[in-house]
Amino acid sequence: MSRIKSNYPILGIGVAILAITAAPALGQGMMQERMSQRFATMDENGDGVMSSAEHEMHTGDMFAAMDADDSNTLTKEEFMSLSMGPGPQGSGPMAAKRQNMMKAKKASKFSAMDVDKNGVVTKAEFDAFSTAKFNSADTNSDGSIDLSEFLNKHAKP
């Protein structure tokens, strides 16, 4: 009986090591699942690919959701106020760090879209940016994006 009890600390260490080493893979798996679900919502007809028409419809809906004052332009505040992901994951310093990193990435994206640097993103600038992203994801140039292309475009470096 004491022999079994003495193995508990070793088992506990083994579980801890497994948890630490598996955490990144689990995180990637969860991210891939979220991205797969996101892709499914954009594949309106369920044919396994997102056509350029489906992409345009989705980006048009996103722009409209962010354009709070219906001005056909986005201010940085409008762009930053809409959350596109599942929201904060967890709490504590790591969650706060991730949130700050995502806000910085989103602010950088706004700057890249604001081609004329006037502080607002027009619908035309937003569409051009979105179309360029779509085209870069369409690696086989067939005018649509399948799940594999979508996941590759959104993979973490």
C-alpha atoms as a PDB file:
ATOM      1  CA  MET A   1       0.000   0.000   0.000  1.00  0.00           C
ATOM      2  CA  SER A   2       2.772   2.457   0.837  1.00  0.00           C
ATOM      3  CA  ARG A   3       4.430   1.561  -2.436  1.00  0.00           C
ATOM      4  CA  ILE A   4       1.381   2.778  -4.384  1.00  0.00           C
ATOM      5  CA  LYS A   5       1.210   5.977  -2.338  1.00  0.00           C
ATOM      6  CA  SER A   6       4.854   6.730  -3.063  1.00  0.00           C
ATOM      7  CA  ASN A   7       4.086   6.646  -6.802  1.00  0.00           C
ATOM      8  CA  TYR A   8       1.483   9.431  -6.541  1.00  0.00           C
ATOM      9  CA  PRO A   9       4.069  12.227  -6.533  1.00  0.00           C
ATOM     10  CA  ILE A  10       5.729  10.713  -9.610  1.00  0.00           C
ATOM     11  CA  LEU A  11       2.356  10.339 -11.301  1.00  0.00           C
ATOM     12  CA  GLY A  12       1.551  13.949 -10.381  1.00  0.00           C
ATOM     13  CA  ILE A  13       4.822  15.162 -11.900  1.00  0.00           C
ATOM     14  CA  GLY A  14       4.126  13.111 -15.033  1.00  0.00           C
ATOM     15  CA  VAL A  15       0.652  14.633 -15.388  1.00  0.00           C
ATOM     16  CA  ALA A  16       2.080  18.128 -14.869  1.00  0.00           C
ATOM     17  CA  ILE A  17       4.740  17.575 -17.527  1.00  0.00           C
ATOM     18  CA  LEU A  18       2.125  16.219 -19.914  1.00  0.00           C
ATOM     19  CA  ALA A  19      -0.124  19.217 -19.273  1.00  0.00           C
ATOM     20  CA  ILE A  20       2.706  21.699 -19.835  1.00  0.00           C
ATOM     21  CA  THR A  21       3.916  20.061 -23.031  1.00  0.00           C
ATOM     22  CA  ALA A  22       0.411  19.435 -24.413  1.00  0.00           C
ATOM     23  CA  ALA A  23      -0.953  22.924 -23.665  1.00  0.00           C
ATOM     24  CA  PRO A  24       0.366  24.557 -26.855  1.00  0.00           C
ATOM     25  CA  ALA A  25      -0.990  21.720 -28.982  1.00  0.00           C
ATOM     26  CA  LEU A  26      -4.359  21.913 -27.230  1.00  0.00           C
ATOM     27  CA  GLY A  27      -4.379  25.676 -27.755  1.00  0.00           C
ATOM     28  CA  GLN A  28      -3.669  25.185 -31.452  1.00  0.00           C
ATOM     29  CA  GLY A  29      -6.369  22.541 -31.654  1.00  0.00           C
ATOM     30  CA  MET A  30      -8.915  24.849 -30.037  1.00  0.00           C
ATOM     31  CA  MET A  31      -7.877  27.685 -32.349  1.00  0.00           C
ATOM     32  CA  GLN A  32      -8.200  25.416 -35.387  1.00  0.00           C
ATOM     33  CA  GLU A  33     -11.665  24.363 -34.212  1.00  0.00           C
ATOM     34  CA  ARG A  34     -12.728  28.009 -33.786  1.00  0.00           C
ATOM     35  CA  MET A  35     -11.369  28.901 -37.200  1.00  0.00           C
ATOM     36  CA  SER A  36     -13.149  25.902 -38.743  1.00  0.00           C
ATOM     37  CA  GLN A  37     -16.416  27.075 -37.179  1.00  0.00           C
ATOM     38  CA  ARG A  38     -15.790  30.604 -38.436  1.00  0.00           C
ATOM     39  CA  PHE A  39     -15.154  29.248 -41.936  1.00  0.00           C
ATOM     40  CA  ALA A  40     -18.406  27.262 -41.816  1.00  0.00           C
ATOM     41  CA  THR A  41     -20.385  30.436 -41.057  1.00  0.00           C
ATOM     42  CA  MET A  42     -18.821  32.173 -44.064  1.00  0.00           C
ATOM     43  CA  ASP A  43     -19.458  29.211 -46.392  1.00  0.00           C
ATOM     44  CA  GLU A  44     -23.087  30.227 -46.866  1.00  0.00           C
ATOM     45  CA  ASN A  45     -24.096  27.390 -49.187  1.00  0.00           C
ATOM     46  CA  GLY A  46     -22.147  24.700 -47.323  1.00  0.00           C
ATOM     47  CA  ASP A  47     -20.206  23.496 -50.358  1.00  0.00           C
ATOM     48  CA  GLY A  48     -16.871  23.418 -48.510  1.00  0.00           C
ATOM     49  CA  VAL A  49     -15.428  26.543 -50.129  1.00  0.00           C
ATOM     50  CA  MET A  50     -15.843  30.252 -49.554  1.00  0.00           C
ATOM     51  CA  SER A  51     -16.436  31.903 -52.916  1.00  0.00           C
ATOM     52  CA  SER A  52     -15.441  35.490 -53.563  1.00  0.00           C
ATOM     53  CA  ALA A  53     -19.178  36.364 -53.493  1.00  0.00           C
ATOM     54  CA  GLU A  54     -19.566  34.771 -50.048  1.00  0.00           C
ATOM     55  CA  HIS A  55     -16.463  36.614 -48.887  1.00  0.00           C
ATOM     56  CA  GLU A  56     -17.782  39.949 -50.186  1.00  0.00           C
ATOM     57  CA  MET A  57     -21.112  39.378 -48.434  1.00  0.00           C
ATOM     58  CA  HIS A  58     -19.361  38.514 -45.162  1.00  0.00           C
ATOM     59  CA  THR A  59     -17.026  41.519 -45.287  1.00  0.00           C
ATOM     60  CA  GLY A  60     -19.947  43.775 -46.190  1.00  0.00           C
ATOM     61  CA  ASP A  61     -21.804  42.560 -43.108  1.00  0.00           C
ATOM     62  CA  MET A  62     -18.699  43.130 -40.963  1.00  0.00           C
ATOM     63  CA  PHE A  63     -18.284  46.678 -42.268  1.00  0.00           C
ATOM     64  CA  ALA A  64     -21.954  47.462 -41.622  1.00  0.00           C
ATOM     65  CA  ALA A  65     -21.707  46.092 -38.074  1.00  0.00           C
ATOM     66  CA  MET A  66     -18.725  48.337 -37.331  1.00  0.00           C
ATOM     67  CA  ASP A  67     -20.069  51.484 -39.046  1.00  0.00           C
ATOM     68  CA  ALA A  68     -22.058  52.654 -36.030  1.00  0.00           C
ATOM     69  CA  ASP A  69     -23.006  56.037 -37.504  1.00  0.00           C
ATOM     70  CA  ASP A  70     -23.799  54.714 -41.016  1.00  0.00           C
ATOM     71  CA  SER A  71     -21.308  57.150 -42.549  1.00  0.00           C
ATOM     72  CA  ASN A  72     -19.857  54.548 -44.936  1.00  0.00           C
ATOM     73  CA  THR A  73     -16.523  55.097 -43.174  1.00  0.00           C
ATOM     74  CA  LEU A  74     -14.929  53.579 -40.101  1.00  0.00           C
ATOM     75  CA  THR A  75     -13.190  55.582 -37.433  1.00  0.00           C
ATOM     76  CA  LYS A  76     -10.525  53.838 -35.414  1.00  0.00           C
ATOM     77  CA  GLU A  77     -12.904  53.837 -32.443  1.00  0.00           C
ATOM     78  CA  GLU A  78     -15.617  52.103 -34.475  1.00  0.00           C
ATOM     79  CA  PHE A  79     -13.145  49.540 -35.781  1.00  0.00           C
ATOM     80  CA  MET A  80     -11.651  48.836 -32.358  1.00  0.00           C
ATOM     81  CA  SER A  81     -15.023  48.607 -30.577  1.00  0.00           C
ATOM     82  CA  LEU A  82     -16.268  45.488 -32.349  1.00  0.00           C
ATOM     83  CA  SER A  83     -14.863  42.205 -31.127  1.00  0.00           C
ATOM     84  CA  MET A  84     -14.350  39.645 -33.900  1.00  0.00           C
ATOM     85  CA  GLY A  85     -13.253  36.727 -31.758  1.00  0.00           C
ATOM     86  CA  PRO A  86     -14.660  34.706 -28.893  1.00  0.00           C
ATOM     87  CA  GLY A  87     -13.579  37.338 -26.364  1.00  0.00           C
ATOM     88  CA  PRO A  88     -11.125  37.198 -23.500  1.00  0.00           C
ATOM     89  CA  GLN A  89      -9.978  33.694 -22.679  1.00  0.00           C
ATOM     90  CA  GLY A  90      -9.331  33.275 -18.974  1.00  0.00           C
ATOM     91  CA  SER A  91      -8.026  35.887 -16.621  1.00  0.00           C
ATOM     92  CA  GLY A  92      -4.783  37.023 -15.150  1.00  0.00           C
ATOM     93  CA  PRO A  93      -1.610  38.465 -16.632  1.00  0.00           C
ATOM     94  CA  MET A  94      -1.388  36.082 -19.611  1.00  0.00           C
ATOM     95  CA  ALA A  95      -4.963  36.834 -20.695  1.00  0.00           C
ATOM     96  CA  ALA A  96      -4.346  40.569 -20.316  1.00  0.00           C
ATOM     97  CA  LYS A  97      -1.111  40.275 -22.297  1.00  0.00           C
ATOM     98  CA  ARG A  98      -2.914  38.399 -25.086  1.00  0.00           C
ATOM     99  CA  GLN A  99      -5.721  40.951 -25.111  1.00  0.00           C
ATOM    100  CA  ASN A 100      -3.244  43.827 -25.396  1.00  0.00           C
ATOM    101  CA  MET A 101      -1.394  42.017 -28.177  1.00  0.00           C
ATOM    102  CA  MET A 102      -4.642  41.502 -30.104  1.00  0.00           C
ATOM    103  CA  LYS A 103      -5.621  45.177 -29.665  1.00  0.00           C
ATOM    104  CA  ALA A 104      -2.226  46.257 -31.000  1.00  0.00           C
ATOM    105  CA  LYS A 105      -2.597  43.898 -33.959  1.00  0.00           C
ATOM    106  CA  LYS A 106      -6.064  45.276 -34.685  1.00  0.00           C
ATOM    107  CA  ALA A 107      -4.821  48.890 -34.464  1.00  0.00           C
ATOM    108  CA  SER A 108      -2.040  48.022 -36.897  1.00  0.00           C
ATOM    109  CA  LYS A 109      -4.616  46.500 -39.255  1.00  0.00           C
ATOM    110  CA  PHE A 110      -6.627  49.737 -39.152  1.00  0.00           C
ATOM    111  CA  SER A 111      -3.528  51.722 -40.086  1.00  0.00           C
ATOM    112  CA  ALA A 112      -2.809  49.385 -42.991  1.00  0.00           C
ATOM    113  CA  MET A 113      -6.373  49.777 -44.295  1.00  0.00           C
ATOM    114  CA  ASP A 114      -6.297  53.587 -44.005  1.00  0.00           C
ATOM    115  CA  VAL A 115      -4.363  53.997 -47.253  1.00  0.00           C
ATOM    116  CA  ASP A 116      -4.690  57.787 -47.462  1.00  0.00           C
ATOM    117  CA  LYS A 117      -3.891  58.186 -43.731  1.00  0.00           C
ATOM    118  CA  ASN A 118      -6.813  60.521 -43.044  1.00  0.00           C
ATOM    119  CA  GLY A 119      -7.883  58.692 -39.875  1.00  0.00           C
ATOM    120  CA  VAL A 120     -10.887  56.897 -41.364  1.00  0.00           C
ATOM    121  CA  VAL A 121     -11.279  53.773 -43.460  1.00  0.00           C
ATOM    122  CA  THR A 122     -13.717  54.114 -46.319  1.00  0.00           C
ATOM    123  CA  LYS A 123     -15.806  51.212 -47.568  1.00  0.00           C
ATOM    124  CA  ALA A 124     -13.592  51.147 -50.686  1.00  0.00           C
ATOM    125  CA  GLU A 125     -10.405  50.919 -48.569  1.00  0.00           C
ATOM    126  CA  PHE A 126     -11.942  48.189 -46.419  1.00  0.00           C
ATOM    127  CA  ASP A 127     -13.069  46.233 -49.482  1.00  0.00           C
ATOM    128  CA  ALA A 128      -9.663  46.549 -51.174  1.00  0.00           C
ATOM    129  CA  PHE A 129      -7.881  45.325 -48.036  1.00  0.00           C
ATOM    130  CA  SER A 130     -10.305  42.424 -47.602  1.00  0.00           C
ATOM    131  CA  THR A 131     -10.052  41.431 -51.261  1.00  0.00           C
ATOM    132  CA  ALA A 132      -6.250  41.446 -51.079  1.00  0.00           C
ATOM    133  CA  LYS A 133      -6.387  39.164 -48.021  1.00  0.00           C
ATOM    134  CA  PHE A 134      -8.817  36.850 -49.800  1.00  0.00           C
ATOM    135  CA  ASN A 135      -6.616  36.690 -52.890  1.00  0.00           C
ATOM    136  CA  SER A 136      -3.493  35.959 -50.833  1.00  0.00           C
ATOM    137  CA  ALA A 137      -5.320  33.094 -49.100  1.00  0.00           C
ATOM    138  CA  ASP A 138      -6.468  31.674 -52.454  1.00  0.00           C
ATOM    139  CA  THR A 139      -3.179  29.890 -53.055  1.00  0.00           C
ATOM    140  CA  ASN A 140      -4.411  27.855 -56.028  1.00  0.00           C
ATOM    141  CA  SER A 141      -6.024  30.924 -57.673  1.00  0.00           C
ATOM    142  CA  ASP A 142      -9.359  29.227 -58.276  1.00  0.00           C
ATOM    143  CA  GLY A 143     -11.402  32.181 -57.014  1.00  0.00           C
ATOM    144  CA  SER A 144     -12.423  30.482 -53.781  1.00  0.00           C
ATOM    145  CA  ILE A 145     -10.889  29.471 -50.468  1.00  0.00           C
ATOM    146  CA  ASP A 146     -11.244  25.990 -49.044  1.00  0.00           C
ATOM    147  CA  LEU A 147     -10.857  25.177 -45.359  1.00  0.00           C
ATOM    148  CA  SER A 148      -7.193  24.246 -45.746  1.00  0.00           C
ATOM    149  CA  GLU A 149      -6.351  27.568 -47.411  1.00  0.00           C
ATOM    150  CA  PHE A 150      -8.337  29.422 -44.745  1.00  0.00           C
ATOM    151  CA  LEU A 151      -6.567  27.651 -41.885  1.00  0.00           C
ATOM    152  CA  ASN A 152      -3.147  28.171 -43.500  1.00  0.00           C
ATOM    153  CA  LYS A 153      -3.843  31.902 -43.876  1.00  0.00           C
ATOM    154  CA  HIS A 154      -4.855  32.179 -40.220  1.00  0.00           C
ATOM    155  CA  ALA A 155      -2.179  29.874 -38.770  1.00  0.00           C
ATOM    156  CA  LYS A 156       0.022  31.261 -36.048  1.00  0.00           C
ATOM    157  CA  PRO A 157       3.661  31.772 -37.070  1.00  0.00           C
END
